[in-house]
């Protein structure tokens, strides 16, 4: 009998629970949905990933509805205001195109608007090894290691870091003509941002010897001095040269002793300082 009561109570509980759940479901379904509309503003964004130096076209841009209270400062509303202007920074897909990423009106596209005043863009030919297996990309920073001999002797061949923390502006492939076979060949080129003095050093290193690019961490700003290495030092036949350091400052000479006078009293002598007033 007690078992029967348990089954009856369980059945009633299940029935009541199901009825309550069904009623709740119907109530939620019949409740009208309240829509909230946020005010928006049209903003011009990139339709795809756009590279540095690109001249913007209408198909590179699209307009989306942006929440009005979060519109970036300086955002454009009309894509025609951007057509024909060059990019001085890369823009990701769906990113708002802002004035800080654009070259001035009339400056054109390509690398020239990207070069700061007083700096120069110098291109050097590289291969997969020199270009660090393709990891040298625009925006990365490198050191330039030159291998060259100051004389005609092979034993004087020296590898030395000649430039440090150099910004890579562009990297890619260009077509040149093979003089011997008169056929077009593809050449990998890296363009570096340097000042005029470093442009001379880079040009001399790439024409008189060989260069190697050393990829560096962009957060690393150090530039430790290096003495360079020659074959004899590399193979352990000669001691390494110490790194160039600044000569230690000479200590200041001691002040001259004050003038004194010797006084003799009988068999006693004494030195007294003459005070100058």
Foldseek 3Di string as FASTA:
>chain_A
DVVVVVVVVVVVVVVVVVVVVVVVVVVVVPDDDDDDDAQWAKFKAAQAKFAAQDQDDLVRIDIDTHRPVDDDPQTDRDCVVRHGWGFLHIGHHPGTDHPVGTFPPPPGTGCPSNADPQKDKDKAFDDCQQCVNPPQAAFFWWWKWFWAAPDPDLQRTWIAGDGGGWGWHHWDWDWDADPVVRHIDIIIMIITMGGPVVNVVVVCRRPRTNMGIGTDDNVDPDDDFDPIDGPCCVVVNDPDDDGDDDDDDDDDDDDDDADWDWDDDPPDIDIDGDDDD
